[in-house]
Amino acid sequence: MFNLKAIAGGAIIAAVSAVGVSAQTFTKYGEAGGWNVFAADDKTCVIETRRDGLIVQMGVLANQNLGYIGAFTQEEDVVQGSTGNEFIIDIDGQLFYGEETVMKGNSQNYSGAYIKANNPNFIADVANLQTMKVIDSERIFTLDLTGTKAAMAMGRECIAAQN
């Protein structure tokens, strides 16, 4: 499943705040497909799951033109890379490429990385396919995508309810 020493990066916030919104407040909106959905005070929403010591999150940036997906942990020395590394993202054989943004030690001591996405094929594959594997030259991160379609639908519902 997850190899924490092999991660340092990720493939989506109540505690982590992946994209520089650490001062925000998050309110639980609901649960769907094994994921929690949170509303943020910037009128965005985040879906989140906690698995094997990781927090995996997906959401949209405040401008709602870009989505993101990230993986974060409190384990020390997991993130050693730097922002800008390119990942190969394999979703059931469909290949995509993304550039990571590293986040080291937020206020709750979570570190990890996220990638941004605006490719509708990538978003559809995350919702509809089974397994996402994120690969760079040093690490592999694998996520079972079961339940993401339902969680993403609730995330869109959450955003609509805030606007």
N, C-alpha and C. Protein backbone atom coordinates (compact mmCIF):
# COMPACT_ATOMS: atom_id res chain seq x y z
N MET A 1 0.86 -1.18 0.00
CA MET A 1 0.00 0.00 0.00
C MET A 1 0.89 1.23 0.00
N PHE A 2 0.98 2.00 1.09
CA PHE A 2 1.81 3.19 1.14
C PHE A 2 3.15 2.85 1.77
N ASN A 3 4.20 3.31 1.17
CA ASN A 3 5.53 3.18 1.76
C ASN A 3 5.95 4.59 2.16
N LEU A 4 5.80 4.92 3.43
CA LEU A 4 6.01 6.30 3.87
C LEU A 4 7.41 6.81 3.57
N LYS A 5 8.41 5.98 3.67
CA LYS A 5 9.76 6.44 3.38
C LYS A 5 9.95 6.69 1.89
N ALA A 6 9.06 6.18 1.07
CA ALA A 6 9.21 6.32 -0.38
C ALA A 6 8.38 7.45 -0.94
N ILE A 7 7.65 8.17 -0.10
CA ILE A 7 6.70 9.11 -0.67
C ILE A 7 7.29 10.49 -0.96
N ALA A 8 7.45 11.30 -0.05
CA ALA A 8 7.91 12.67 -0.21
C ALA A 8 7.05 13.48 -1.15
N GLY A 9 6.20 12.92 -1.91
CA GLY A 9 5.34 13.66 -2.82
C GLY A 9 4.02 12.99 -2.95
N GLY A 10 3.15 13.56 -3.77
CA GLY A 10 1.87 12.94 -3.91
C GLY A 10 1.21 13.22 -5.22
N ALA A 11 0.15 12.55 -5.36
CA ALA A 11 -0.54 12.52 -6.60
C ALA A 11 -1.21 13.74 -7.15
N ILE A 12 -5.45 15.89 -2.19
CA ILE A 12 -5.89 16.36 -2.46
C ILE A 12 -5.33 16.02 -1.31
N ILE A 13 -9.34 19.31 4.51
CA ILE A 13 -7.93 19.76 4.70
C ILE A 13 -7.97 20.43 6.04
N ALA A 14 -8.64 19.78 6.51
CA ALA A 14 -8.89 20.42 7.79
C ALA A 14 -7.62 20.66 8.56
N ALA A 15 -6.71 19.75 8.58
CA ALA A 15 -5.49 19.91 9.36
C ALA A 15 -4.29 20.33 8.53
N VAL A 16 -4.26 20.02 7.25
CA VAL A 16 -3.02 20.16 6.51
C VAL A 16 -2.89 21.47 5.77
N SER A 17 -3.89 21.88 5.05
CA SER A 17 -3.83 23.11 4.29
C SER A 17 -2.74 23.06 3.23
N ALA A 18 -2.97 22.27 2.21
CA ALA A 18 -1.96 21.96 1.21
C ALA A 18 -1.51 23.13 0.37
N VAL A 19 -2.34 24.06 0.10
CA VAL A 19 -1.98 25.07 -0.89
C VAL A 19 -1.85 26.47 -0.30
N GLY A 20 -1.26 26.55 0.85
CA GLY A 20 -0.96 27.86 1.42
C GLY A 20 -2.15 28.57 2.03
N VAL A 21 -3.12 27.83 2.50
CA VAL A 21 -4.28 28.46 3.09
C VAL A 21 -4.38 28.10 4.57
N SER A 22 -3.24 28.05 5.23
CA SER A 22 -3.19 27.55 6.60
C SER A 22 -4.00 28.39 7.59
N ALA A 23 -4.29 29.62 7.25
CA ALA A 23 -5.06 30.45 8.16
C ALA A 23 -6.56 30.22 8.00
N GLN A 24 -6.95 29.38 7.07
CA GLN A 24 -8.36 29.15 6.83
C GLN A 24 -8.99 28.27 7.89
N THR A 25 -10.30 28.36 7.97
CA THR A 25 -11.09 27.51 8.83
C THR A 25 -11.83 26.52 7.94
N PHE A 26 -11.87 25.24 8.35
CA PHE A 26 -12.55 24.20 7.61
C PHE A 26 -13.67 23.63 8.45
N THR A 27 -14.82 23.43 7.81
CA THR A 27 -15.99 22.89 8.47
C THR A 27 -16.40 21.62 7.73
N LYS A 28 -16.65 20.56 8.47
CA LYS A 28 -17.04 19.32 7.81
C LYS A 28 -18.40 19.50 7.13
N TYR A 29 -18.44 19.19 5.85
CA TYR A 29 -19.65 19.29 5.05
C TYR A 29 -20.36 17.95 4.98
N GLY A 30 -19.60 16.85 4.88
CA GLY A 30 -20.21 15.52 4.81
C GLY A 30 -19.18 14.46 4.51
N GLU A 31 -19.67 13.27 4.19
CA GLU A 31 -18.83 12.13 3.85
C GLU A 31 -19.41 11.45 2.62
N ALA A 32 -18.52 10.98 1.74
CA ALA A 32 -18.97 10.24 0.55
C ALA A 32 -17.85 9.34 0.07
N GLY A 33 -18.17 8.11 -0.23
CA GLY A 33 -17.21 7.19 -0.81
C GLY A 33 -15.98 6.93 0.03
N GLY A 34 -16.10 7.05 1.36
CA GLY A 34 -14.95 6.85 2.23
C GLY A 34 -14.07 8.08 2.39
N TRP A 35 -14.50 9.20 1.85
CA TRP A 35 -13.76 10.46 1.94
C TRP A 35 -14.59 11.45 2.78
N ASN A 36 -13.91 12.32 3.53
CA ASN A 36 -14.56 13.44 4.20
C ASN A 36 -14.54 14.64 3.27
N VAL A 37 -15.57 15.46 3.34
CA VAL A 37 -15.66 16.67 2.53
C VAL A 37 -15.71 17.85 3.50
N PHE A 38 -14.82 18.83 3.27
CA PHE A 38 -14.74 20.00 4.12
C PHE A 38 -14.99 21.27 3.31
N ALA A 39 -15.73 22.21 3.89
CA ALA A 39 -15.92 23.54 3.30
C ALA A 39 -14.89 24.47 3.93
N ALA A 40 -14.26 25.29 3.09
CA ALA A 40 -13.27 26.25 3.57
C ALA A 40 -13.88 27.64 3.55
N ASP A 41 -13.32 28.54 4.35
CA ASP A 41 -13.87 29.88 4.40
C ASP A 41 -13.55 30.71 3.16
N ASP A 42 -12.79 30.19 2.18
CA ASP A 42 -12.57 30.91 0.92
C ASP A 42 -13.53 30.43 -0.17
N LYS A 43 -14.61 29.74 0.25
CA LYS A 43 -15.66 29.24 -0.64
C LYS A 43 -15.18 28.11 -1.55
N THR A 44 -14.14 27.38 -1.13
CA THR A 44 -13.72 26.17 -1.81
C THR A 44 -14.06 24.99 -0.90
N CYS A 45 -13.89 23.80 -1.43
CA CYS A 45 -14.11 22.59 -0.64
C CYS A 45 -13.00 21.61 -0.92
N VAL A 46 -12.78 20.71 0.02
CA VAL A 46 -11.69 19.75 -0.05
C VAL A 46 -12.26 18.38 0.29
N ILE A 47 -11.82 17.36 -0.48
CA ILE A 47 -12.13 15.99 -0.07
C ILE A 47 -10.84 15.40 0.50
N GLU A 48 -11.00 14.58 1.53
CA GLU A 48 -9.83 14.09 2.26
C GLU A 48 -10.07 12.67 2.75
N THR A 49 -9.02 11.87 2.67
CA THR A 49 -9.03 10.55 3.28
C THR A 49 -7.73 10.37 4.04
N ARG A 50 -7.80 9.61 5.11
CA ARG A 50 -6.61 9.30 5.92
C ARG A 50 -6.36 7.81 5.81
N ARG A 51 -5.17 7.47 5.30
CA ARG A 51 -4.82 6.07 5.09
C ARG A 51 -3.36 5.84 5.42
N ASP A 52 -3.10 4.83 6.24
CA ASP A 52 -1.74 4.39 6.54
C ASP A 52 -0.81 5.54 6.94
N GLY A 53 -1.28 6.42 7.82
CA GLY A 53 -0.45 7.51 8.30
C GLY A 53 -0.37 8.70 7.37
N LEU A 54 -1.13 8.67 6.29
CA LEU A 54 -1.14 9.77 5.32
C LEU A 54 -2.48 10.47 5.31
N ILE A 55 -2.46 11.72 4.96
CA ILE A 55 -3.66 12.45 4.60
C ILE A 55 -3.56 12.70 3.10
N VAL A 56 -4.56 12.24 2.36
CA VAL A 56 -4.62 12.47 0.92
C VAL A 56 -5.78 13.42 0.68
N GLN A 57 -5.54 14.47 -0.07
CA GLN A 57 -6.54 15.50 -0.28
C GLN A 57 -6.67 15.86 -1.75
N MET A 58 -7.89 16.24 -2.15
CA MET A 58 -8.16 16.79 -3.46
C MET A 58 -9.08 17.97 -3.30
N GLY A 59 -8.89 18.96 -4.14
CA GLY A 59 -9.75 20.13 -4.10
C GLY A 59 -9.49 21.04 -5.28
N VAL A 60 -10.03 22.22 -5.19
CA VAL A 60 -9.80 23.25 -6.21
C VAL A 60 -9.23 24.48 -5.53
N LEU A 61 -8.43 25.23 -6.29
CA LEU A 61 -7.91 26.49 -5.78
C LEU A 61 -9.04 27.51 -5.76
N ALA A 62 -8.84 28.61 -5.06
CA ALA A 62 -9.90 29.60 -4.88
C ALA A 62 -10.46 30.12 -6.20
N ASN A 63 -9.63 30.22 -7.25
CA ASN A 63 -10.14 30.70 -8.54
C ASN A 63 -10.95 29.63 -9.26
N GLN A 64 -10.95 28.41 -8.74
CA GLN A 64 -11.68 27.26 -9.25
C GLN A 64 -11.31 26.88 -10.68
N ASN A 65 -10.17 27.36 -11.17
CA ASN A 65 -9.68 26.99 -12.50
C ASN A 65 -8.71 25.82 -12.44
N LEU A 66 -8.13 25.57 -11.29
CA LEU A 66 -7.17 24.48 -11.12
C LEU A 66 -7.57 23.62 -9.93
N GLY A 67 -7.43 22.32 -10.10
CA GLY A 67 -7.60 21.41 -8.99
C GLY A 67 -6.23 21.00 -8.47
N TYR A 68 -6.21 20.31 -7.35
CA TYR A 68 -4.95 19.80 -6.82
C TYR A 68 -5.22 18.47 -6.12
N ILE A 69 -4.17 17.69 -6.01
CA ILE A 69 -4.21 16.45 -5.24
C ILE A 69 -2.86 16.33 -4.54
N GLY A 70 -2.89 15.97 -3.26
CA GLY A 70 -1.66 15.91 -2.50
C GLY A 70 -1.68 14.82 -1.44
N ALA A 71 -0.52 14.49 -0.95
CA ALA A 71 -0.36 13.51 0.13
C ALA A 71 0.56 14.11 1.18
N PHE A 72 0.19 13.94 2.46
CA PHE A 72 0.89 14.60 3.56
C PHE A 72 1.00 13.67 4.75
N THR A 73 2.07 13.80 5.50
CA THR A 73 2.31 12.98 6.68
C THR A 73 3.03 13.80 7.74
N GLN A 74 2.98 13.32 8.98
CA GLN A 74 3.74 13.95 10.06
C GLN A 74 5.06 13.22 10.28
N GLU A 75 5.33 12.18 9.50
CA GLU A 75 6.57 11.44 9.65
C GLU A 75 7.76 12.34 9.29
N GLU A 76 8.78 12.32 10.14
CA GLU A 76 9.95 13.16 9.91
C GLU A 76 10.75 12.69 8.70
N ASP A 77 11.38 13.61 8.04
CA ASP A 77 12.30 13.35 6.93
C ASP A 77 11.67 12.67 5.73
N VAL A 78 10.36 12.80 5.58
CA VAL A 78 9.72 12.21 4.40
C VAL A 78 9.94 13.10 3.19
N VAL A 79 9.80 14.39 3.37
CA VAL A 79 9.96 15.31 2.24
C VAL A 79 11.39 15.80 2.20
N GLN A 80 12.12 15.36 1.19
CA GLN A 80 13.49 15.80 1.02
C GLN A 80 13.71 16.44 -0.33
N GLY A 81 12.74 16.32 -1.22
CA GLY A 81 12.85 16.89 -2.56
C GLY A 81 12.55 18.37 -2.54
N SER A 82 12.55 18.95 -3.72
CA SER A 82 12.24 20.36 -3.84
C SER A 82 11.12 20.54 -4.86
N THR A 83 10.44 21.65 -4.74
CA THR A 83 9.37 21.98 -5.68
C THR A 83 9.92 21.99 -7.09
N GLY A 84 9.10 21.52 -8.02
CA GLY A 84 9.48 21.57 -9.43
C GLY A 84 9.80 20.24 -10.05
N ASN A 85 9.94 19.18 -9.24
CA ASN A 85 10.17 17.86 -9.81
C ASN A 85 8.93 17.44 -10.60
N GLU A 86 9.16 16.73 -11.71
CA GLU A 86 8.03 16.28 -12.51
C GLU A 86 7.68 14.84 -12.16
N PHE A 87 6.39 14.60 -12.01
CA PHE A 87 5.87 13.27 -11.75
C PHE A 87 5.27 12.68 -13.01
N ILE A 88 5.34 11.37 -13.11
CA ILE A 88 4.54 10.62 -14.06
C ILE A 88 3.36 10.08 -13.26
N ILE A 89 2.16 10.34 -13.74
CA ILE A 89 0.97 9.87 -13.05
C ILE A 89 0.30 8.84 -13.94
N ASP A 90 0.20 7.63 -13.44
CA ASP A 90 -0.39 6.51 -14.18
C ASP A 90 -1.71 6.16 -13.51
N ILE A 91 -2.80 6.38 -14.22
CA ILE A 91 -4.13 6.01 -13.72
C ILE A 91 -4.63 4.88 -14.61
N ASP A 92 -4.49 3.67 -14.10
CA ASP A 92 -4.90 2.47 -14.84
C ASP A 92 -4.37 2.49 -16.27
N GLY A 93 -3.09 2.87 -16.43
CA GLY A 93 -2.45 2.85 -17.74
C GLY A 93 -2.54 4.14 -18.53
N GLN A 94 -3.35 5.09 -18.10
CA GLN A 94 -3.42 6.40 -18.74
C GLN A 94 -2.34 7.28 -18.10
N LEU A 95 -1.42 7.82 -18.91
CA LEU A 95 -0.29 8.58 -18.37
C LEU A 95 -0.53 10.08 -18.44
N PHE A 96 -0.20 10.76 -17.34
CA PHE A 96 -0.25 12.21 -17.23
C PHE A 96 1.05 12.65 -16.59
N TYR A 97 1.37 13.93 -16.70
CA TYR A 97 2.59 14.47 -16.12
C TYR A 97 2.22 15.69 -15.29
N GLY A 98 2.88 15.85 -14.14
CA GLY A 98 2.60 16.97 -13.28
C GLY A 98 3.83 17.41 -12.52
N GLU A 99 3.87 18.67 -12.16
CA GLU A 99 4.98 19.23 -11.40
C GLU A 99 4.57 19.38 -9.95
N GLU A 100 5.40 18.84 -9.04
CA GLU A 100 5.05 18.89 -7.63
C GLU A 100 5.38 20.25 -7.00
N THR A 101 4.60 20.58 -5.98
CA THR A 101 4.90 21.69 -5.08
C THR A 101 5.06 21.07 -3.70
N VAL A 102 6.21 21.28 -3.09
CA VAL A 102 6.52 20.68 -1.80
C VAL A 102 6.04 21.60 -0.69
N MET A 103 5.48 21.01 0.36
CA MET A 103 5.07 21.74 1.55
C MET A 103 5.77 21.07 2.73
N LYS A 104 6.60 21.81 3.43
CA LYS A 104 7.34 21.25 4.58
C LYS A 104 6.84 21.86 5.87
N GLY A 105 6.40 21.00 6.79
CA GLY A 105 6.09 21.38 8.15
C GLY A 105 5.14 22.54 8.32
N ASN A 106 3.84 22.34 8.06
CA ASN A 106 2.88 23.41 8.32
C ASN A 106 2.66 23.53 9.83
N SER A 107 1.65 24.27 10.25
CA SER A 107 1.45 24.53 11.67
C SER A 107 1.11 23.28 12.47
N GLN A 108 0.63 22.22 11.80
CA GLN A 108 0.37 20.95 12.49
C GLN A 108 1.49 19.95 12.23
N ASN A 109 2.59 20.41 11.67
CA ASN A 109 3.78 19.60 11.39
C ASN A 109 3.56 18.53 10.32
N TYR A 110 2.68 18.82 9.36
CA TYR A 110 2.50 17.94 8.21
C TYR A 110 3.40 18.42 7.07
N SER A 111 3.96 17.46 6.35
CA SER A 111 4.76 17.75 5.16
C SER A 111 4.30 16.82 4.05
N GLY A 112 4.57 17.22 2.83
CA GLY A 112 4.23 16.39 1.67
C GLY A 112 4.33 17.22 0.42
N ALA A 113 3.54 16.86 -0.56
CA ALA A 113 3.57 17.59 -1.83
C ALA A 113 2.22 17.47 -2.51
N TYR A 114 1.96 18.40 -3.41
CA TYR A 114 0.74 18.35 -4.20
C TYR A 114 1.07 18.72 -5.63
N ILE A 115 0.18 18.32 -6.52
CA ILE A 115 0.27 18.73 -7.92
C ILE A 115 -1.03 19.42 -8.28
N LYS A 116 -0.96 20.33 -9.25
CA LYS A 116 -2.13 21.02 -9.75
C LYS A 116 -2.56 20.37 -11.05
N ALA A 117 -3.87 20.44 -11.33
CA ALA A 117 -4.38 19.82 -12.55
C ALA A 117 -5.55 20.63 -13.11
N ASN A 118 -5.56 20.78 -14.44
CA ASN A 118 -6.72 21.37 -15.11
C ASN A 118 -7.11 20.56 -16.35
N ASN A 119 -6.55 19.36 -16.49
CA ASN A 119 -6.83 18.49 -17.61
C ASN A 119 -8.12 17.73 -17.33
N PRO A 120 -9.19 17.95 -18.11
CA PRO A 120 -10.46 17.26 -17.83
C PRO A 120 -10.34 15.74 -17.93
N ASN A 121 -9.44 15.22 -18.75
CA ASN A 121 -9.25 13.78 -18.84
C ASN A 121 -8.65 13.23 -17.54
N PHE A 122 -7.71 13.96 -16.96
CA PHE A 122 -7.12 13.55 -15.69
C PHE A 122 -8.18 13.52 -14.60
N ILE A 123 -8.98 14.57 -14.53
CA ILE A 123 -10.02 14.67 -13.50
C ILE A 123 -11.04 13.54 -13.67
N ALA A 124 -11.44 13.27 -14.91
CA ALA A 124 -12.39 12.18 -15.17
C ALA A 124 -11.79 10.83 -14.78
N ASP A 125 -10.50 10.63 -15.08
CA ASP A 125 -9.86 9.36 -14.74
C ASP A 125 -9.76 9.19 -13.22
N VAL A 126 -9.45 10.25 -12.49
CA VAL A 126 -9.40 10.17 -11.04
C VAL A 126 -10.77 9.76 -10.50
N ALA A 127 -11.82 10.30 -11.09
CA ALA A 127 -13.18 9.99 -10.63
C ALA A 127 -13.62 8.59 -11.01
N ASN A 128 -13.21 8.10 -12.16
CA ASN A 128 -13.82 6.89 -12.71
C ASN A 128 -12.96 5.64 -12.74
N LEU A 129 -11.65 5.77 -12.61
CA LEU A 129 -10.79 4.59 -12.70
C LEU A 129 -10.41 4.11 -11.30
N GLN A 130 -9.57 3.08 -11.21
CA GLN A 130 -9.38 2.38 -9.94
C GLN A 130 -8.11 2.72 -9.16
N THR A 131 -6.98 2.88 -9.86
CA THR A 131 -5.72 3.03 -9.14
C THR A 131 -4.86 4.13 -9.76
N MET A 132 -4.36 5.02 -8.93
CA MET A 132 -3.45 6.06 -9.38
C MET A 132 -2.07 5.76 -8.80
N LYS A 133 -1.07 5.79 -9.66
CA LYS A 133 0.32 5.61 -9.24
C LYS A 133 1.07 6.86 -9.66
N VAL A 134 1.73 7.50 -8.72
CA VAL A 134 2.52 8.70 -8.98
C VAL A 134 3.99 8.31 -8.83
N ILE A 135 4.77 8.63 -9.86
CA ILE A 135 6.16 8.16 -9.91
C ILE A 135 7.09 9.32 -10.22
N ASP A 136 8.16 9.46 -9.47
CA ASP A 136 9.25 10.33 -9.89
C ASP A 136 10.53 9.50 -9.83
N SER A 137 11.66 10.12 -9.94
CA SER A 137 12.91 9.35 -10.03
C SER A 137 13.25 8.60 -8.75
N GLU A 138 12.65 8.96 -7.61
CA GLU A 138 13.02 8.35 -6.34
C GLU A 138 11.86 7.69 -5.60
N ARG A 139 10.61 8.00 -5.97
CA ARG A 139 9.50 7.61 -5.12
C ARG A 139 8.33 7.08 -5.95
N ILE A 140 7.51 6.27 -5.29
CA ILE A 140 6.26 5.81 -5.88
C ILE A 140 5.17 5.94 -4.82
N PHE A 141 4.04 6.48 -5.22
CA PHE A 141 2.89 6.63 -4.35
C PHE A 141 1.71 6.01 -5.08
N THR A 142 1.00 5.09 -4.43
CA THR A 142 -0.15 4.44 -5.05
C THR A 142 -1.39 4.71 -4.21
N LEU A 143 -2.49 5.04 -4.88
CA LEU A 143 -3.75 5.33 -4.20
C LEU A 143 -4.88 4.59 -4.88
N ASP A 144 -5.65 3.84 -4.10
CA ASP A 144 -6.87 3.22 -4.57
C ASP A 144 -7.91 4.33 -4.70
N LEU A 145 -8.47 4.50 -5.89
CA LEU A 145 -9.38 5.61 -6.16
C LEU A 145 -10.85 5.28 -5.86
N THR A 146 -11.10 4.14 -5.25
CA THR A 146 -12.47 3.77 -4.91
C THR A 146 -13.12 4.89 -4.10
N GLY A 147 -14.29 5.31 -4.51
CA GLY A 147 -15.05 6.32 -3.77
C GLY A 147 -14.78 7.75 -4.19
N THR A 148 -13.76 7.98 -5.03
CA THR A 148 -13.45 9.38 -5.38
C THR A 148 -14.57 10.02 -6.19
N LYS A 149 -15.25 9.26 -7.05
CA LYS A 149 -16.32 9.86 -7.86
C LYS A 149 -17.42 10.43 -6.96
N ALA A 150 -17.86 9.66 -5.99
CA ALA A 150 -18.90 10.14 -5.07
C ALA A 150 -18.39 11.32 -4.24
N ALA A 151 -17.13 11.25 -3.80
CA ALA A 151 -16.57 12.34 -2.99
C ALA A 151 -16.41 13.61 -3.82
N MET A 152 -15.97 13.46 -5.08
CA MET A 152 -15.83 14.63 -5.94
C MET A 152 -17.19 15.26 -6.23
N ALA A 153 -18.23 14.45 -6.40
CA ALA A 153 -19.58 14.97 -6.61
C ALA A 153 -20.03 15.76 -5.39
N MET A 154 -19.78 15.23 -4.19
CA MET A 154 -20.14 15.97 -2.99
C MET A 154 -19.29 17.23 -2.86
N GLY A 155 -18.03 17.18 -3.28
CA GLY A 155 -17.19 18.38 -3.27
C GLY A 155 -17.76 19.48 -4.15
N ARG A 156 -18.25 19.10 -5.35
CA ARG A 156 -18.88 20.10 -6.24
C ARG A 156 -20.16 20.64 -5.60
N GLU A 157 -20.92 19.77 -4.96
CA GLU A 157 -22.14 20.19 -4.26
C GLU A 157 -21.78 21.18 -3.15
N CYS A 158 -20.72 20.89 -2.43
CA CYS A 158 -20.24 21.76 -1.35
C CYS A 158 -19.88 23.14 -1.89
N ILE A 159 -19.14 23.18 -3.01
CA ILE A 159 -18.77 24.47 -3.60
C ILE A 159 -20.01 25.24 -4.02
N ALA A 160 -20.96 24.56 -4.67
CA ALA A 160 -22.19 25.22 -5.12
C ALA A 160 -22.96 25.79 -3.93
N ALA A 161 -22.98 25.07 -2.81
CA ALA A 161 -23.69 25.53 -1.62
C ALA A 161 -23.06 26.78 -1.02
N GLN A 162 -21.77 26.98 -1.25
CA GLN A 162 -21.09 28.14 -0.68
C GLN A 162 -21.18 29.38 -1.56
N ASN A 163 -21.50 29.20 -2.82
CA ASN A 163 -21.48 30.33 -3.76
C ASN A 163 -22.86 30.83 -4.11
